Amino acid sequence: MDLLDFEAQGLYFEQADVAGVKELIATAAENYAGGDAELSLLKAYFLAPESLNVLVALNRFYYYQHRLEEALTATTKALVVIKSMVGFPEDWRELLPNHISDAPAESLTQIRLYLFTLKAVGFLNMRLERLDLSQSVFEKLVELDSKDRIGAQGLLELVVKRKTDVGWVSAA
């Protein structure tokens, strides 16, 4: 299945949220420059902890604040939410190409979101110098996406180069 050959449907940001969540995210956006955005985002999270709108907003907020651990927490939570939508295995390491190729076409939007979210997990781990884990994520994505539609191949090459440049010794 070509990950670019699909008709987008069921986009996460089009999904309805619990009352007040959209307003809290908007308030956070308005208050970002003043430094008061986090409280609104956390209130939104407590109202709708499985809302992808909230989790993506939290990820972006923490990422741009250079709070990578918190960004990773939000991204990992989003991965769990999306996984349940597409029926993927509990552990991303158990994903096989047939999980994607055998999936119904109408779930391709969510599958792409899952793969891009997994890529974000790999990227954040790379930034946090967890290079072995990051490499494993990117290798899995390359295995699942032979045409590199998700763009993990270049990141895999970067993490391998980084490990070589610093004389990385695996923690395993």
C-alpha atoms as a PDB file:
ATOM      1  CA  MET A   1       0.000   0.000   0.000  1.00  0.00           C
ATOM      2  CA  ASP A   2       1.392   3.379  -0.992  1.00  0.00           C
ATOM      3  CA  LEU A   3       1.196   5.730   1.970  1.00  0.00           C
ATOM      4  CA  LEU A   4       0.641   8.676  -0.369  1.00  0.00           C
ATOM      5  CA  ASP A   5      -2.124   7.053  -2.385  1.00  0.00           C
ATOM      6  CA  PHE A   6      -5.144   7.765  -0.221  1.00  0.00           C
ATOM      7  CA  GLU A   7      -7.988  10.167   0.285  1.00  0.00           C
ATOM      8  CA  ALA A   8      -7.673  11.944   3.606  1.00  0.00           C
ATOM      9  CA  GLN A   9     -10.614  11.296   5.856  1.00  0.00           C
ATOM     10  CA  GLY A  10     -11.145  11.415   9.578  1.00  0.00           C
ATOM     11  CA  LEU A  11      -8.382  13.941  10.197  1.00  0.00           C
ATOM     12  CA  TYR A  12      -7.673  14.250  13.906  1.00  0.00           C
ATOM     13  CA  PHE A  13      -8.114  18.026  13.977  1.00  0.00           C
ATOM     14  CA  GLU A  14     -11.608  17.701  12.521  1.00  0.00           C
ATOM     15  CA  GLN A  15     -12.765  15.559  15.442  1.00  0.00           C
ATOM     16  CA  ALA A  16     -15.113  17.095  17.990  1.00  0.00           C
ATOM     17  CA  ASP A  17     -13.782  17.549  21.504  1.00  0.00           C
ATOM     18  CA  VAL A  18     -15.351  17.855  24.926  1.00  0.00           C
ATOM     19  CA  ALA A  19     -16.974  21.237  25.509  1.00  0.00           C
ATOM     20  CA  GLY A  20     -14.419  23.901  26.321  1.00  0.00           C
ATOM     21  CA  VAL A  21     -11.352  22.121  24.934  1.00  0.00           C
ATOM     22  CA  LYS A  22     -11.213  24.061  21.677  1.00  0.00           C
ATOM     23  CA  GLU A  23     -11.459  27.325  23.617  1.00  0.00           C
ATOM     24  CA  LEU A  24      -8.702  26.298  26.026  1.00  0.00           C
ATOM     25  CA  ILE A  25      -6.386  25.464  23.134  1.00  0.00           C
ATOM     26  CA  ALA A  26      -7.192  28.832  21.551  1.00  0.00           C
ATOM     27  CA  THR A  27      -6.495  30.581  24.858  1.00  0.00           C
ATOM     28  CA  ALA A  28      -3.169  28.772  25.088  1.00  0.00           C
ATOM     29  CA  ALA A  29      -2.259  29.969  21.596  1.00  0.00           C
ATOM     30  CA  GLU A  30      -3.138  33.547  22.535  1.00  0.00           C
ATOM     31  CA  ASN A  31      -1.123  33.365  25.762  1.00  0.00           C
ATOM     32  CA  TYR A  32       1.943  31.616  24.363  1.00  0.00           C
ATOM     33  CA  ALA A  33       4.084  34.741  24.042  1.00  0.00           C
ATOM     34  CA  GLY A  34       3.239  35.798  27.595  1.00  0.00           C
ATOM     35  CA  GLY A  35       4.238  32.437  29.007  1.00  0.00           C
ATOM     36  CA  ASP A  36       0.778  31.492  30.263  1.00  0.00           C
ATOM     37  CA  ALA A  37      -0.136  28.825  27.728  1.00  0.00           C
ATOM     38  CA  GLU A  38       0.691  25.696  29.710  1.00  0.00           C
ATOM     39  CA  LEU A  39      -2.103  25.988  32.263  1.00  0.00           C
ATOM     40  CA  SER A  40      -4.766  26.183  29.544  1.00  0.00           C
ATOM     41  CA  LEU A  41      -3.291  23.162  27.783  1.00  0.00           C
ATOM     42  CA  LEU A  42      -3.197  21.149  30.990  1.00  0.00           C
ATOM     43  CA  LYS A  43      -6.812  22.055  31.727  1.00  0.00           C
ATOM     44  CA  ALA A  44      -7.703  20.876  28.222  1.00  0.00           C
ATOM     45  CA  TYR A  45      -5.789  17.644  28.849  1.00  0.00           C
ATOM     46  CA  PHE A  46      -7.705  16.989  32.073  1.00  0.00           C
ATOM     47  CA  LEU A  47     -10.977  17.533  30.218  1.00  0.00           C
ATOM     48  CA  ALA A  48     -10.000  15.345  27.255  1.00  0.00           C
ATOM     49  CA  PRO A  49      -6.897  13.199  27.948  1.00  0.00           C
ATOM     50  CA  GLU A  50      -7.352  11.187  24.752  1.00  0.00           C
ATOM     51  CA  SER A  51      -7.959  14.138  22.449  1.00  0.00           C
ATOM     52  CA  LEU A  52      -5.403  14.235  19.665  1.00  0.00           C
ATOM     53  CA  ASN A  53      -6.017  17.969  19.353  1.00  0.00           C
ATOM     54  CA  VAL A  54      -4.885  18.403  22.952  1.00  0.00           C
ATOM     55  CA  LEU A  55      -1.977  15.969  22.713  1.00  0.00           C
ATOM     56  CA  VAL A  56      -0.648  17.595  19.533  1.00  0.00           C
ATOM     57  CA  ALA A  57      -0.988  21.041  21.127  1.00  0.00           C
ATOM     58  CA  LEU A  58       0.901  19.821  24.213  1.00  0.00           C
ATOM     59  CA  ASN A  59       3.602  18.275  22.047  1.00  0.00           C
ATOM     60  CA  ARG A  60       4.085  21.490  20.103  1.00  0.00           C
ATOM     61  CA  PHE A  61       4.082  23.645  23.209  1.00  0.00           C
ATOM     62  CA  TYR A  62       6.676  21.535  24.996  1.00  0.00           C
ATOM     63  CA  TYR A  63       8.794  21.068  21.890  1.00  0.00           C
ATOM     64  CA  TYR A  64       9.010  24.798  21.206  1.00  0.00           C
ATOM     65  CA  GLN A  65       9.804  25.365  24.880  1.00  0.00           C
ATOM     66  CA  HIS A  66      12.698  22.878  24.460  1.00  0.00           C
ATOM     67  CA  ARG A  67      11.071  20.656  27.078  1.00  0.00           C
ATOM     68  CA  LEU A  68      11.700  17.496  25.141  1.00  0.00           C
ATOM     69  CA  GLU A  69      10.837  15.002  27.895  1.00  0.00           C
ATOM     70  CA  GLU A  70       7.368  16.504  28.232  1.00  0.00           C
ATOM     71  CA  ALA A  71       6.982  16.642  24.444  1.00  0.00           C
ATOM     72  CA  LEU A  72       7.900  12.956  24.310  1.00  0.00           C
ATOM     73  CA  THR A  73       5.333  12.141  26.998  1.00  0.00           C
ATOM     74  CA  ALA A  74       2.564  13.860  25.010  1.00  0.00           C
ATOM     75  CA  THR A  75       3.691  12.216  21.772  1.00  0.00           C
ATOM     76  CA  THR A  76       3.861   8.763  23.345  1.00  0.00           C
ATOM     77  CA  LYS A  77       0.345   9.226  24.730  1.00  0.00           C
ATOM     78  CA  ALA A  78      -0.855  10.224  21.240  1.00  0.00           C
ATOM     79  CA  LEU A  79       0.743   7.062  19.833  1.00  0.00           C
ATOM     80  CA  VAL A  80      -1.270   4.980  22.316  1.00  0.00           C
ATOM     81  CA  VAL A  81      -4.501   6.754  21.351  1.00  0.00           C
ATOM     82  CA  ILE A  82      -3.908   6.296  17.619  1.00  0.00           C
ATOM     83  CA  LYS A  83      -2.825   2.667  18.073  1.00  0.00           C
ATOM     84  CA  SER A  84      -6.232   1.832  19.497  1.00  0.00           C
ATOM     85  CA  MET A  85      -7.918   3.518  16.518  1.00  0.00           C
ATOM     86  CA  VAL A  86      -6.098   1.334  13.984  1.00  0.00           C
ATOM     87  CA  GLY A  87      -5.810  -1.882  15.975  1.00  0.00           C
ATOM     88  CA  PHE A  88      -2.028  -2.048  15.910  1.00  0.00           C
ATOM     89  CA  PRO A  89      -0.059  -4.192  18.370  1.00  0.00           C
ATOM     90  CA  GLU A  90       0.615  -2.830  21.839  1.00  0.00           C
ATOM     91  CA  ASP A  91       4.345  -2.507  21.112  1.00  0.00           C
ATOM     92  CA  TRP A  92       5.404  -0.723  17.910  1.00  0.00           C
ATOM     93  CA  ARG A  93       8.297  -3.186  17.598  1.00  0.00           C
ATOM     94  CA  GLU A  94       5.740  -5.879  16.734  1.00  0.00           C
ATOM     95  CA  LEU A  95       4.375  -3.967  13.746  1.00  0.00           C
ATOM     96  CA  LEU A  96       4.741  -5.761  10.442  1.00  0.00           C
ATOM     97  CA  PRO A  97       4.247  -4.485   6.893  1.00  0.00           C
ATOM     98  CA  ASN A  98       1.036  -6.536   6.623  1.00  0.00           C
ATOM     99  CA  HIS A  99      -0.511  -4.486   9.465  1.00  0.00           C
ATOM    100  CA  ILE A 100      -0.464  -1.644   6.955  1.00  0.00           C
ATOM    101  CA  SER A 101      -1.051  -3.502   3.693  1.00  0.00           C
ATOM    102  CA  ASP A 102      -4.009  -5.470   5.086  1.00  0.00           C
ATOM    103  CA  ALA A 103      -5.653  -2.442   6.687  1.00  0.00           C
ATOM    104  CA  PRO A 104      -8.844  -1.066   5.164  1.00  0.00           C
ATOM    105  CA  ALA A 105      -8.289   1.956   2.930  1.00  0.00           C
ATOM    106  CA  GLU A 106     -10.481   4.140   5.145  1.00  0.00           C
ATOM    107  CA  SER A 107      -7.996   3.741   8.014  1.00  0.00           C
ATOM    108  CA  LEU A 108      -4.988   4.966   6.021  1.00  0.00           C
ATOM    109  CA  THR A 109      -5.270   8.511   7.380  1.00  0.00           C
ATOM    110  CA  GLN A 110      -4.984   7.212  10.950  1.00  0.00           C
ATOM    111  CA  ILE A 111      -2.200   4.794   9.960  1.00  0.00           C
ATOM    112  CA  ARG A 112      -0.192   7.660   8.465  1.00  0.00           C
ATOM    113  CA  LEU A 113      -0.805   9.668  11.632  1.00  0.00           C
ATOM    114  CA  TYR A 114       0.455   6.719  13.692  1.00  0.00           C
ATOM    115  CA  LEU A 115       3.593   6.397  11.569  1.00  0.00           C
ATOM    116  CA  PHE A 116       4.328  10.129  11.681  1.00  0.00           C
ATOM    117  CA  THR A 117       3.757  10.089  15.444  1.00  0.00           C
ATOM    118  CA  LEU A 118       6.151   7.148  15.789  1.00  0.00           C
ATOM    119  CA  LYS A 119       8.634   9.153  13.723  1.00  0.00           C
ATOM    120  CA  ALA A 120       8.224  12.022  16.212  1.00  0.00           C
ATOM    121  CA  VAL A 121       8.948   9.584  19.057  1.00  0.00           C
ATOM    122  CA  GLY A 122      12.138   8.562  17.268  1.00  0.00           C
ATOM    123  CA  PHE A 123      13.099  12.165  16.602  1.00  0.00           C
ATOM    124  CA  LEU A 124      12.552  13.270  20.196  1.00  0.00           C
ATOM    125  CA  ASN A 125      14.580  10.322  21.468  1.00  0.00           C
ATOM    126  CA  MET A 126      17.326  11.298  19.030  1.00  0.00           C
ATOM    127  CA  ARG A 127      17.303  14.833  20.396  1.00  0.00           C
ATOM    128  CA  LEU A 128      17.493  13.385  23.910  1.00  0.00           C
ATOM    129  CA  GLU A 129      20.556  11.351  22.846  1.00  0.00           C
ATOM    130  CA  ARG A 130      18.741   8.030  23.227  1.00  0.00           C
ATOM    131  CA  LEU A 131      20.311   6.982  19.987  1.00  0.00           C
ATOM    132  CA  ASP A 132      19.768   3.217  20.206  1.00  0.00           C
ATOM    133  CA  LEU A 133      16.034   3.645  20.752  1.00  0.00           C
ATOM    134  CA  SER A 134      15.839   6.320  18.085  1.00  0.00           C
ATOM    135  CA  GLN A 135      17.653   4.088  15.621  1.00  0.00           C
ATOM    136  CA  SER A 136      15.250   1.218  16.383  1.00  0.00           C
ATOM    137  CA  VAL A 137      12.243   3.446  15.710  1.00  0.00           C
ATOM    138  CA  PHE A 138      13.646   4.676  12.405  1.00  0.00           C
ATOM    139  CA  GLU A 139      14.636   1.160  11.338  1.00  0.00           C
ATOM    140  CA  LYS A 140      11.089  -0.024  12.023  1.00  0.00           C
ATOM    141  CA  LEU A 141       9.653   2.842   9.987  1.00  0.00           C
ATOM    142  CA  VAL A 142      11.994   2.099   7.078  1.00  0.00           C
ATOM    143  CA  GLU A 143      10.905  -1.556   7.245  1.00  0.00           C
ATOM    144  CA  LEU A 144       7.234  -0.552   7.186  1.00  0.00           C
ATOM    145  CA  ASP A 145       7.559   2.183   4.570  1.00  0.00           C
ATOM    146  CA  SER A 146       9.710   0.873   1.714  1.00  0.00           C
ATOM    147  CA  LYS A 147       9.043   3.981  -0.422  1.00  0.00           C
ATOM    148  CA  ASP A 148      10.088   6.298   2.443  1.00  0.00           C
ATOM    149  CA  ARG A 149       6.855   8.281   2.302  1.00  0.00           C
ATOM    150  CA  ILE A 150       7.180   9.038   6.023  1.00  0.00           C
ATOM    151  CA  GLY A 151      10.775  10.227   5.609  1.00  0.00           C
ATOM    152  CA  ALA A 152      12.482   8.046   8.214  1.00  0.00           C
ATOM    153  CA  GLN A 153      15.415   6.970   6.023  1.00  0.00           C
ATOM    154  CA  GLY A 154      17.192  10.317   6.291  1.00  0.00           C
ATOM    155  CA  LEU A 155      16.695  10.411  10.051  1.00  0.00           C
ATOM    156  CA  LEU A 156      18.025   6.868  10.343  1.00  0.00           C
ATOM    157  CA  GLU A 157      21.129   7.952   8.457  1.00  0.00           C
ATOM    158  CA  LEU A 158      21.508  10.962  10.773  1.00  0.00           C
ATOM    159  CA  VAL A 159      21.287   8.900  13.947  1.00  0.00           C
ATOM    160  CA  VAL A 160      23.759   6.311  12.610  1.00  0.00           C
ATOM    161  CA  LYS A 161      26.158   9.131  11.664  1.00  0.00           C
ATOM    162  CA  ARG A 162      25.731  10.719  15.095  1.00  0.00           C
ATOM    163  CA  LYS A 163      26.541   7.416  16.778  1.00  0.00           C
ATOM    164  CA  THR A 164      29.645   7.041  14.612  1.00  0.00           C
ATOM    165  CA  ASP A 165      30.756  10.643  15.176  1.00  0.00           C
ATOM    166  CA  VAL A 166      30.615  10.378  18.959  1.00  0.00           C
ATOM    167  CA  GLY A 167      31.946   6.818  19.149  1.00  0.00           C
ATOM    168  CA  TRP A 168      28.628   5.646  20.594  1.00  0.00           C
ATOM    169  CA  VAL A 169      28.662   2.606  22.820  1.00  0.00           C
ATOM    170  CA  SER A 170      25.267   0.940  23.133  1.00  0.00           C
ATOM    171  CA  ALA A 171      23.651   1.019  26.551  1.00  0.00           C
ATOM    172  CA  ALA A 172      22.236  -2.445  25.894  1.00  0.00           C
END
